[in-house]
């Protein structure tokens, strides 16, 4: 096998609590992650010359900043392999929306190259490589819905019912670093100390900060709340979502989105599509 095409699913934070701040400045979190059956697609073509090359253009993202490229380089460096790869990425996840697009791409590259380069590394060996790339990467390698604690690296599997989500992407670019640096951000939400959560549990502590600065996020939330009281923002924003029991209900809510806003309807995944690769 010299070529492998892999999916890179989007994720949602069903809740996101900021529980503290470490001496090194990183915030500690508690969040419930779920992956969706909507995302990017990456084609990996093995190279014998050791080069890591992205063959598709990503507007505004230089190759050296692309998490997919950085993941391939990190795995090559960690394992000492002499093989390389050409990466072709088809982007469907809105950038900067809190859906984990870059992190998911990185995880899928690590998992895909684990097979393509015949490394046969266990998941436990890939997780720290992913964490060095970004706090959300380990979740995608983990392979199933999970509660994340710490800075995102402490993962506990949870069982969630499959449901449908309407996801709206307001036309805003939200900086994660800027959201976490705002003085009024709640940083002391108590940890739940459990791994079983009722429907609609929790909140997103970053949401009030984002809504105060981006009216489009507030507008998107308002239309989703016409159909679901559980509408909220994912990650540091600006995408928002609401859960529904059926695809029909989710599409009806999505169709209410304000003019000029895009997004998608997707179903939650009980297992990452690449979970078998590590």
C-alpha atoms as a PDB file:
ATOM      1  CA  UNK A   1       0.000   0.000   0.000  1.00  0.00           C
ATOM      2  CA  UNK A   2       1.503   3.327  -1.077  1.00  0.00           C
ATOM      3  CA  UNK A   3      -1.544   5.608  -0.742  1.00  0.00           C
ATOM      4  CA  UNK A   4      -4.101   5.905   2.030  1.00  0.00           C
ATOM      5  CA  UNK A   5      -7.074   8.290   2.245  1.00  0.00           C
ATOM      6  CA  UNK A   6      -8.266   9.030   5.767  1.00  0.00           C
ATOM      7  CA  UNK A   7     -11.119  11.065   7.272  1.00  0.00           C
ATOM      8  CA  UNK A   8     -10.513  13.766   9.875  1.00  0.00           C
ATOM      9  CA  UNK A   9     -13.807  14.339  11.720  1.00  0.00           C
ATOM     10  CA  UNK A  10     -14.904  17.555  13.373  1.00  0.00           C
ATOM     11  CA  UNK A  11     -15.537  17.604  17.128  1.00  0.00           C
ATOM     12  CA  UNK A  12     -17.869  19.373  19.503  1.00  0.00           C
ATOM     13  CA  UNK A  13     -17.349  20.330  23.116  1.00  0.00           C
ATOM     14  CA  UNK A  14     -20.736  19.465  24.622  1.00  0.00           C
ATOM     15  CA  UNK A  15     -19.588  21.440  27.631  1.00  0.00           C
ATOM     16  CA  UNK A  16     -16.334  23.239  28.434  1.00  0.00           C
ATOM     17  CA  UNK A  17     -15.494  24.286  31.978  1.00  0.00           C
ATOM     18  CA  UNK A  18     -12.364  26.237  32.872  1.00  0.00           C
ATOM     19  CA  UNK A  19     -11.357  24.797  36.246  1.00  0.00           C
ATOM     20  CA  UNK A  20      -8.133  26.653  36.970  1.00  0.00           C
ATOM     21  CA  UNK A  21      -4.823  27.956  35.746  1.00  0.00           C
ATOM     22  CA  UNK A  22      -1.427  26.321  36.118  1.00  0.00           C
ATOM     23  CA  UNK A  23       1.754  28.192  37.115  1.00  0.00           C
ATOM     24  CA  UNK A  24       2.977  27.886  33.512  1.00  0.00           C
ATOM     25  CA  UNK A  25      -0.055  29.847  32.292  1.00  0.00           C
ATOM     26  CA  UNK A  26      -1.981  26.948  30.760  1.00  0.00           C
ATOM     27  CA  UNK A  27      -5.619  26.706  31.779  1.00  0.00           C
ATOM     28  CA  UNK A  28      -6.990  23.473  33.188  1.00  0.00           C
ATOM     29  CA  UNK A  29     -10.260  22.315  31.681  1.00  0.00           C
ATOM     30  CA  UNK A  30     -13.043  19.817  31.981  1.00  0.00           C
ATOM     31  CA  UNK A  31     -14.826  19.123  28.716  1.00  0.00           C
ATOM     32  CA  UNK A  32     -17.003  16.501  27.077  1.00  0.00           C
ATOM     33  CA  UNK A  33     -15.806  15.750  23.529  1.00  0.00           C
ATOM     34  CA  UNK A  34     -17.682  14.014  20.740  1.00  0.00           C
ATOM     35  CA  UNK A  35     -16.640  13.525  17.104  1.00  0.00           C
ATOM     36  CA  UNK A  36     -18.996  14.028  14.147  1.00  0.00           C
ATOM     37  CA  UNK A  37     -19.498  12.292  10.811  1.00  0.00           C
ATOM     38  CA  UNK A  38     -18.463  15.490   9.005  1.00  0.00           C
ATOM     39  CA  UNK A  39     -14.896  16.576   8.440  1.00  0.00           C
ATOM     40  CA  UNK A  40     -11.807  16.901   6.296  1.00  0.00           C
ATOM     41  CA  UNK A  41     -10.267  14.244   4.065  1.00  0.00           C
ATOM     42  CA  UNK A  42      -6.522  13.645   3.793  1.00  0.00           C
ATOM     43  CA  UNK A  43      -4.768  11.560   1.157  1.00  0.00           C
ATOM     44  CA  UNK A  44      -1.356  10.266   2.220  1.00  0.00           C
ATOM     45  CA  UNK A  45       1.063   9.062  -0.458  1.00  0.00           C
ATOM     46  CA  UNK A  46       4.200   7.370   0.807  1.00  0.00           C
ATOM     47  CA  UNK A  47       7.519   8.763  -0.411  1.00  0.00           C
ATOM     48  CA  UNK A  48      10.813   6.892  -0.417  1.00  0.00           C
ATOM     49  CA  UNK A  49      12.927  10.084  -0.369  1.00  0.00           C
ATOM     50  CA  UNK A  50      11.954  11.087   3.176  1.00  0.00           C
ATOM     51  CA  UNK A  51      10.367  14.394   2.150  1.00  0.00           C
ATOM     52  CA  UNK A  52       7.211  15.704   3.868  1.00  0.00           C
ATOM     53  CA  UNK A  53       5.296  17.744   1.296  1.00  0.00           C
ATOM     54  CA  UNK A  54       1.815  19.274   1.310  1.00  0.00           C
ATOM     55  CA  UNK A  55       0.568  19.232  -2.262  1.00  0.00           C
ATOM     56  CA  UNK A  56      -2.620  21.255  -1.683  1.00  0.00           C
ATOM     57  CA  UNK A  57      -2.871  24.943  -0.860  1.00  0.00           C
ATOM     58  CA  UNK A  58      -4.528  26.024   2.384  1.00  0.00           C
ATOM     59  CA  UNK A  59      -5.231  29.765   2.215  1.00  0.00           C
ATOM     60  CA  UNK A  60      -3.544  31.600   5.066  1.00  0.00           C
ATOM     61  CA  UNK A  61      -1.724  28.515   6.401  1.00  0.00           C
ATOM     62  CA  UNK A  62       1.937  28.122   5.475  1.00  0.00           C
ATOM     63  CA  UNK A  63       3.129  24.492   5.315  1.00  0.00           C
ATOM     64  CA  UNK A  64       5.413  24.935   8.324  1.00  0.00           C
ATOM     65  CA  UNK A  65       2.407  26.033  10.416  1.00  0.00           C
ATOM     66  CA  UNK A  66       0.060  23.322   9.140  1.00  0.00           C
ATOM     67  CA  UNK A  67      -0.640  20.807  11.908  1.00  0.00           C
ATOM     68  CA  UNK A  68      -0.943  17.995   9.372  1.00  0.00           C
ATOM     69  CA  UNK A  69       2.589  18.662   8.114  1.00  0.00           C
ATOM     70  CA  UNK A  70       3.907  19.142  11.637  1.00  0.00           C
ATOM     71  CA  UNK A  71       2.344  15.821  12.689  1.00  0.00           C
ATOM     72  CA  UNK A  72       4.116  13.962   9.884  1.00  0.00           C
ATOM     73  CA  UNK A  73       7.421  15.615  10.764  1.00  0.00           C
ATOM     74  CA  UNK A  74       6.986  14.816  14.459  1.00  0.00           C
ATOM     75  CA  UNK A  75       6.232  11.147  13.776  1.00  0.00           C
ATOM     76  CA  UNK A  76       9.171  10.885  11.381  1.00  0.00           C
ATOM     77  CA  UNK A  77      11.476  12.443  13.965  1.00  0.00           C
ATOM     78  CA  UNK A  78      10.155  10.305  16.825  1.00  0.00           C
ATOM     79  CA  UNK A  79      10.497   6.999  14.987  1.00  0.00           C
ATOM     80  CA  UNK A  80      13.574   7.683  12.869  1.00  0.00           C
ATOM     81  CA  UNK A  81      11.893   6.372   9.722  1.00  0.00           C
ATOM     82  CA  UNK A  82      13.483   7.260   6.397  1.00  0.00           C
ATOM     83  CA  UNK A  83      10.091   7.364   4.675  1.00  0.00           C
ATOM     84  CA  UNK A  84       8.260  10.552   3.760  1.00  0.00           C
ATOM     85  CA  UNK A  85       4.772  11.498   2.600  1.00  0.00           C
ATOM     86  CA  UNK A  86       2.860  13.773   0.252  1.00  0.00           C
ATOM     87  CA  UNK A  87      -0.242  15.227   1.908  1.00  0.00           C
ATOM     88  CA  UNK A  88      -3.371  16.297   0.028  1.00  0.00           C
ATOM     89  CA  UNK A  89      -5.954  17.882   2.328  1.00  0.00           C
ATOM     90  CA  UNK A  90      -9.580  18.586   1.425  1.00  0.00           C
ATOM     91  CA  UNK A  91     -10.908  21.026   4.022  1.00  0.00           C
ATOM     92  CA  UNK A  92     -14.569  20.944   5.068  1.00  0.00           C
ATOM     93  CA  UNK A  93     -14.222  21.959   8.714  1.00  0.00           C
ATOM     94  CA  UNK A  94     -14.501  25.754   9.096  1.00  0.00           C
ATOM     95  CA  UNK A  95     -11.161  27.103  10.369  1.00  0.00           C
ATOM     96  CA  UNK A  96     -10.995  28.853  13.716  1.00  0.00           C
ATOM     97  CA  UNK A  97     -14.473  27.733  14.713  1.00  0.00           C
ATOM     98  CA  UNK A  98     -13.820  25.524  17.727  1.00  0.00           C
ATOM     99  CA  UNK A  99     -14.429  22.337  15.718  1.00  0.00           C
ATOM    100  CA  UNK A 100     -10.873  21.019  16.003  1.00  0.00           C
ATOM    101  CA  UNK A 101     -10.065  20.969  12.290  1.00  0.00           C
ATOM    102  CA  UNK A 102      -6.305  21.350  12.577  1.00  0.00           C
ATOM    103  CA  UNK A 103      -6.077  18.993  15.544  1.00  0.00           C
ATOM    104  CA  UNK A 104      -8.181  16.369  13.790  1.00  0.00           C
ATOM    105  CA  UNK A 105      -6.011  16.612  10.677  1.00  0.00           C
ATOM    106  CA  UNK A 106      -2.911  16.090  12.829  1.00  0.00           C
ATOM    107  CA  UNK A 107      -4.395  13.051  14.567  1.00  0.00           C
ATOM    108  CA  UNK A 108      -5.517  11.466  11.296  1.00  0.00           C
ATOM    109  CA  UNK A 109      -2.053  11.978   9.817  1.00  0.00           C
ATOM    110  CA  UNK A 110      -0.473  10.275  12.845  1.00  0.00           C
ATOM    111  CA  UNK A 111      -2.925   7.375  12.662  1.00  0.00           C
ATOM    112  CA  UNK A 112      -2.730   7.065   8.889  1.00  0.00           C
ATOM    113  CA  UNK A 113       1.064   7.160   8.763  1.00  0.00           C
ATOM    114  CA  UNK A 114       1.214   4.608  11.544  1.00  0.00           C
ATOM    115  CA  UNK A 115      -0.335   2.244   8.993  1.00  0.00           C
ATOM    116  CA  UNK A 116       1.252   3.604   5.791  1.00  0.00           C
ATOM    117  CA  UNK A 117       4.777   3.607   7.225  1.00  0.00           C
ATOM    118  CA  UNK A 118       4.126   0.227   8.923  1.00  0.00           C
ATOM    119  CA  UNK A 119       5.193   1.547  12.315  1.00  0.00           C
ATOM    120  CA  UNK A 120       2.648  -0.453  14.336  1.00  0.00           C
ATOM    121  CA  UNK A 121       2.834   1.968  17.256  1.00  0.00           C
ATOM    122  CA  UNK A 122       0.182   1.540  19.962  1.00  0.00           C
ATOM    123  CA  UNK A 123      -2.217   4.372  20.664  1.00  0.00           C
ATOM    124  CA  UNK A 124      -0.362   5.114  23.915  1.00  0.00           C
ATOM    125  CA  UNK A 125       2.774   5.948  21.917  1.00  0.00           C
ATOM    126  CA  UNK A 126       0.935   8.300  19.550  1.00  0.00           C
ATOM    127  CA  UNK A 127      -0.864  10.263  22.275  1.00  0.00           C
ATOM    128  CA  UNK A 128       2.168  12.212  23.604  1.00  0.00           C
ATOM    129  CA  UNK A 129       3.251  13.046  20.059  1.00  0.00           C
ATOM    130  CA  UNK A 130      -0.231  14.444  19.489  1.00  0.00           C
ATOM    131  CA  UNK A 131      -0.271  16.391  22.752  1.00  0.00           C
ATOM    132  CA  UNK A 132       2.940  18.175  21.764  1.00  0.00           C
ATOM    133  CA  UNK A 133       1.093  19.423  18.669  1.00  0.00           C
ATOM    134  CA  UNK A 134      -2.043  20.623  20.460  1.00  0.00           C
ATOM    135  CA  UNK A 135      -4.267  19.936  23.456  1.00  0.00           C
ATOM    136  CA  UNK A 136      -7.164  18.605  21.328  1.00  0.00           C
ATOM    137  CA  UNK A 137      -5.102  16.135  19.290  1.00  0.00           C
ATOM    138  CA  UNK A 138      -5.093  13.332  21.908  1.00  0.00           C
ATOM    139  CA  UNK A 139      -8.907  13.187  21.871  1.00  0.00           C
ATOM    140  CA  UNK A 140      -8.962  12.288  18.176  1.00  0.00           C
ATOM    141  CA  UNK A 141      -6.317   9.600  18.720  1.00  0.00           C
ATOM    142  CA  UNK A 142      -8.227   8.290  21.764  1.00  0.00           C
ATOM    143  CA  UNK A 143     -10.989   7.194  19.431  1.00  0.00           C
ATOM    144  CA  UNK A 144     -14.281   7.581  21.315  1.00  0.00           C
ATOM    145  CA  UNK A 145     -16.393  10.155  23.187  1.00  0.00           C
ATOM    146  CA  UNK A 146     -14.480  11.296  26.229  1.00  0.00           C
ATOM    147  CA  UNK A 147     -14.281  13.635  29.178  1.00  0.00           C
ATOM    148  CA  UNK A 148     -11.032  15.580  28.980  1.00  0.00           C
ATOM    149  CA  UNK A 149      -9.363  17.058  32.035  1.00  0.00           C
ATOM    150  CA  UNK A 150      -6.064  18.758  32.758  1.00  0.00           C
ATOM    151  CA  UNK A 151      -5.073  20.648  29.625  1.00  0.00           C
ATOM    152  CA  UNK A 152      -6.950  18.057  27.575  1.00  0.00           C
ATOM    153  CA  UNK A 153      -4.600  15.119  27.934  1.00  0.00           C
ATOM    154  CA  UNK A 154      -6.437  13.258  30.719  1.00  0.00           C
ATOM    155  CA  UNK A 155      -9.144  11.351  28.842  1.00  0.00           C
ATOM    156  CA  UNK A 156     -11.882   9.104  30.183  1.00  0.00           C
ATOM    157  CA  UNK A 157     -14.198   7.265  27.794  1.00  0.00           C
ATOM    158  CA  UNK A 158     -17.928   7.896  28.176  1.00  0.00           C
ATOM    159  CA  UNK A 159     -20.954   6.301  26.564  1.00  0.00           C
ATOM    160  CA  UNK A 160     -23.237   8.764  24.781  1.00  0.00           C
ATOM    161  CA  UNK A 161     -26.391   8.199  22.750  1.00  0.00           C
ATOM    162  CA  UNK A 162     -25.997   8.910  19.053  1.00  0.00           C
ATOM    163  CA  UNK A 163     -27.722  12.163  18.150  1.00  0.00           C
ATOM    164  CA  UNK A 164     -27.866  14.771  15.410  1.00  0.00           C
ATOM    165  CA  UNK A 165     -26.421  18.271  15.565  1.00  0.00           C
ATOM    166  CA  UNK A 166     -27.145  21.483  13.724  1.00  0.00           C
ATOM    167  CA  UNK A 167     -23.856  23.402  13.544  1.00  0.00           C
ATOM    168  CA  UNK A 168     -23.741  27.056  12.463  1.00  0.00           C
ATOM    169  CA  UNK A 169     -20.504  28.864  11.614  1.00  0.00           C
ATOM    170  CA  UNK A 170     -20.784  32.640  12.094  1.00  0.00           C
ATOM    171  CA  UNK A 171     -18.448  34.694   9.862  1.00  0.00           C
ATOM    172  CA  UNK A 172     -15.993  35.486  12.648  1.00  0.00           C
ATOM    173  CA  UNK A 173     -12.402  34.527  13.435  1.00  0.00           C
ATOM    174  CA  UNK A 174     -12.004  33.846  17.142  1.00  0.00           C
ATOM    175  CA  UNK A 175      -8.536  33.656  18.677  1.00  0.00           C
ATOM    176  CA  UNK A 176      -8.300  30.924  21.303  1.00  0.00           C
ATOM    177  CA  UNK A 177      -5.422  32.717  23.029  1.00  0.00           C
ATOM    178  CA  UNK A 178      -7.397  35.960  23.138  1.00  0.00           C
ATOM    179  CA  UNK A 179     -10.457  34.270  24.643  1.00  0.00           C
ATOM    180  CA  UNK A 180      -8.414  32.671  27.412  1.00  0.00           C
ATOM    181  CA  UNK A 181      -6.636  35.937  28.220  1.00  0.00           C
ATOM    182  CA  UNK A 182      -9.799  37.977  28.894  1.00  0.00           C
ATOM    183  CA  UNK A 183      -9.944  39.140  32.509  1.00  0.00           C
ATOM    184  CA  UNK A 184     -13.640  38.355  33.043  1.00  0.00           C
ATOM    185  CA  UNK A 185     -13.315  34.705  31.973  1.00  0.00           C
ATOM    186  CA  UNK A 186     -14.573  32.298  34.645  1.00  0.00           C
ATOM    187  CA  UNK A 187     -11.561  30.245  35.728  1.00  0.00           C
ATOM    188  CA  UNK A 188     -12.815  28.427  38.811  1.00  0.00           C
ATOM    189  CA  UNK A 189     -15.680  26.170  37.710  1.00  0.00           C
ATOM    190  CA  UNK A 190     -15.694  23.159  40.077  1.00  0.00           C
ATOM    191  CA  UNK A 191     -14.815  19.808  38.542  1.00  0.00           C
ATOM    192  CA  UNK A 192     -17.765  17.455  38.138  1.00  0.00           C
ATOM    193  CA  UNK A 193     -15.798  14.538  39.677  1.00  0.00           C
ATOM    194  CA  UNK A 194     -17.934  12.153  37.623  1.00  0.00           C
ATOM    195  CA  UNK A 195     -18.194  10.752  34.129  1.00  0.00           C
ATOM    196  CA  UNK A 196     -21.973  10.370  33.727  1.00  0.00           C
ATOM    197  CA  UNK A 197     -23.767  13.535  32.649  1.00  0.00           C
ATOM    198  CA  UNK A 198     -27.433  14.381  32.248  1.00  0.00           C
ATOM    199  CA  UNK A 199     -28.696  15.810  28.983  1.00  0.00           C
ATOM    200  CA  UNK A 200     -27.842  19.498  28.738  1.00  0.00           C
ATOM    201  CA  UNK A 201     -25.341  19.338  31.616  1.00  0.00           C
ATOM    202  CA  UNK A 202     -22.840  22.143  32.024  1.00  0.00           C
ATOM    203  CA  UNK A 203     -21.998  25.145  29.902  1.00  0.00           C
ATOM    204  CA  UNK A 204     -19.175  26.681  27.910  1.00  0.00           C
ATOM    205  CA  UNK A 205     -17.289  29.106  30.144  1.00  0.00           C
ATOM    206  CA  UNK A 206     -15.836  30.818  27.071  1.00  0.00           C
ATOM    207  CA  UNK A 207     -19.256  31.518  25.553  1.00  0.00           C
ATOM    208  CA  UNK A 208     -20.132  34.729  27.471  1.00  0.00           C
ATOM    209  CA  UNK A 209     -16.729  36.174  26.597  1.00  0.00           C
ATOM    210  CA  UNK A 210     -17.167  35.379  22.888  1.00  0.00           C
ATOM    211  CA  UNK A 211     -20.790  36.530  22.708  1.00  0.00           C
ATOM    212  CA  UNK A 212     -19.865  39.896  24.242  1.00  0.00           C
ATOM    213  CA  UNK A 213     -17.329  40.476  21.481  1.00  0.00           C
ATOM    214  CA  UNK A 214     -18.986  38.876  18.458  1.00  0.00           C
ATOM    215  CA  UNK A 215     -22.685  39.713  17.888  1.00  0.00           C
ATOM    216  CA  UNK A 216     -22.878  37.129  15.091  1.00  0.00           C
ATOM    217  CA  UNK A 217     -22.289  34.360  17.632  1.00  0.00           C
ATOM    218  CA  UNK A 218     -25.196  35.680  19.694  1.00  0.00           C
ATOM    219  CA  UNK A 219     -27.408  35.766  16.581  1.00  0.00           C
ATOM    220  CA  UNK A 220     -26.593  32.172  15.664  1.00  0.00           C
ATOM    221  CA  UNK A 221     -27.279  30.988  19.208  1.00  0.00           C
ATOM    222  CA  UNK A 222     -30.594  32.834  19.243  1.00  0.00           C
ATOM    223  CA  UNK A 223     -31.969  31.028  16.181  1.00  0.00           C
ATOM    224  CA  UNK A 224     -30.890  27.607  17.454  1.00  0.00           C
ATOM    225  CA  UNK A 225     -32.550  28.303  20.792  1.00  0.00           C
ATOM    226  CA  UNK A 226     -35.850  28.642  18.956  1.00  0.00           C
ATOM    227  CA  UNK A 227     -35.636  24.848  18.529  1.00  0.00           C
ATOM    228  CA  UNK A 228     -33.415  23.724  21.410  1.00  0.00           C
ATOM    229  CA  UNK A 229     -32.687  25.151  24.875  1.00  0.00           C
ATOM    230  CA  UNK A 230     -29.340  23.336  24.769  1.00  0.00           C
ATOM    231  CA  UNK A 231     -27.761  25.466  22.035  1.00  0.00           C
ATOM    232  CA  UNK A 232     -24.237  26.550  22.927  1.00  0.00           C
ATOM    233  CA  UNK A 233     -20.824  27.372  21.524  1.00  0.00           C
ATOM    234  CA  UNK A 234     -18.117  24.773  20.917  1.00  0.00           C
ATOM    235  CA  UNK A 235     -14.515  25.272  21.989  1.00  0.00           C
ATOM    236  CA  UNK A 236     -13.377  28.876  21.958  1.00  0.00           C
ATOM    237  CA  UNK A 237     -15.869  29.618  19.166  1.00  0.00           C
ATOM    238  CA  UNK A 238     -17.232  30.868  17.051  1.00  0.00           C
ATOM    239  CA  UNK A 239     -19.237  27.844  15.814  1.00  0.00           C
ATOM    240  CA  UNK A 240     -22.413  27.039  17.727  1.00  0.00           C
ATOM    241  CA  UNK A 241     -24.524  23.901  17.830  1.00  0.00           C
ATOM    242  CA  UNK A 242     -27.683  22.312  19.157  1.00  0.00           C
ATOM    243  CA  UNK A 243     -28.483  18.599  19.622  1.00  0.00           C
ATOM    244  CA  UNK A 244     -31.566  16.859  18.217  1.00  0.00           C
ATOM    245  CA  UNK A 245     -32.987  13.355  18.220  1.00  0.00           C
ATOM    246  CA  UNK A 246     -33.465  13.180  14.446  1.00  0.00           C
ATOM    247  CA  UNK A 247     -31.842  14.477  11.292  1.00  0.00           C
ATOM    248  CA  UNK A 248     -35.136  16.106  10.293  1.00  0.00           C
ATOM    249  CA  UNK A 249     -35.225  18.178  13.481  1.00  0.00           C
ATOM    250  CA  UNK A 250     -31.578  19.162  13.100  1.00  0.00           C
ATOM    251  CA  UNK A 251     -32.068  20.279   9.497  1.00  0.00           C
ATOM    252  CA  UNK A 252     -35.148  22.297  10.415  1.00  0.00           C
ATOM    253  CA  UNK A 253     -33.102  24.174  13.016  1.00  0.00           C
ATOM    254  CA  UNK A 254     -30.152  24.608  10.659  1.00  0.00           C
ATOM    255  CA  UNK A 255     -32.424  26.119   8.013  1.00  0.00           C
ATOM    256  CA  UNK A 256     -33.197  28.979  10.420  1.00  0.00           C
ATOM    257  CA  UNK A 257     -29.587  30.209  10.341  1.00  0.00           C
ATOM    258  CA  UNK A 258     -29.059  33.910   9.655  1.00  0.00           C
ATOM    259  CA  UNK A 259     -28.330  34.983   6.087  1.00  0.00           C
ATOM    260  CA  UNK A 260     -24.691  34.585   5.133  1.00  0.00           C
ATOM    261  CA  UNK A 261     -23.936  31.966   7.756  1.00  0.00           C
ATOM    262  CA  UNK A 262     -22.840  28.495   6.759  1.00  0.00           C
ATOM    263  CA  UNK A 263     -22.443  25.239   8.650  1.00  0.00           C
ATOM    264  CA  UNK A 264     -23.686  21.681   8.439  1.00  0.00           C
ATOM    265  CA  UNK A 265     -25.841  18.954   9.969  1.00  0.00           C
ATOM    266  CA  UNK A 266     -24.027  15.895  11.292  1.00  0.00           C
ATOM    267  CA  UNK A 267     -24.428  12.831  13.473  1.00  0.00           C
ATOM    268  CA  UNK A 268     -22.263  11.999  16.465  1.00  0.00           C
ATOM    269  CA  UNK A 269     -19.780   9.129  16.237  1.00  0.00           C
ATOM    270  CA  UNK A 270     -19.514   6.381  18.832  1.00  0.00           C
ATOM    271  CA  UNK A 271     -16.048   5.524  17.518  1.00  0.00           C
ATOM    272  CA  UNK A 272     -13.431   7.386  15.498  1.00  0.00           C
ATOM    273  CA  UNK A 273     -13.270   5.968  11.952  1.00  0.00           C
ATOM    274  CA  UNK A 274      -9.504   5.404  12.317  1.00  0.00           C
ATOM    275  CA  UNK A 275      -9.596   3.823  15.767  1.00  0.00           C
ATOM    276  CA  UNK A 276      -8.480   0.512  14.245  1.00  0.00           C
ATOM    277  CA  UNK A 277      -5.153   1.989  13.088  1.00  0.00           C
ATOM    278  CA  UNK A 278      -3.536   2.056  16.549  1.00  0.00           C
END
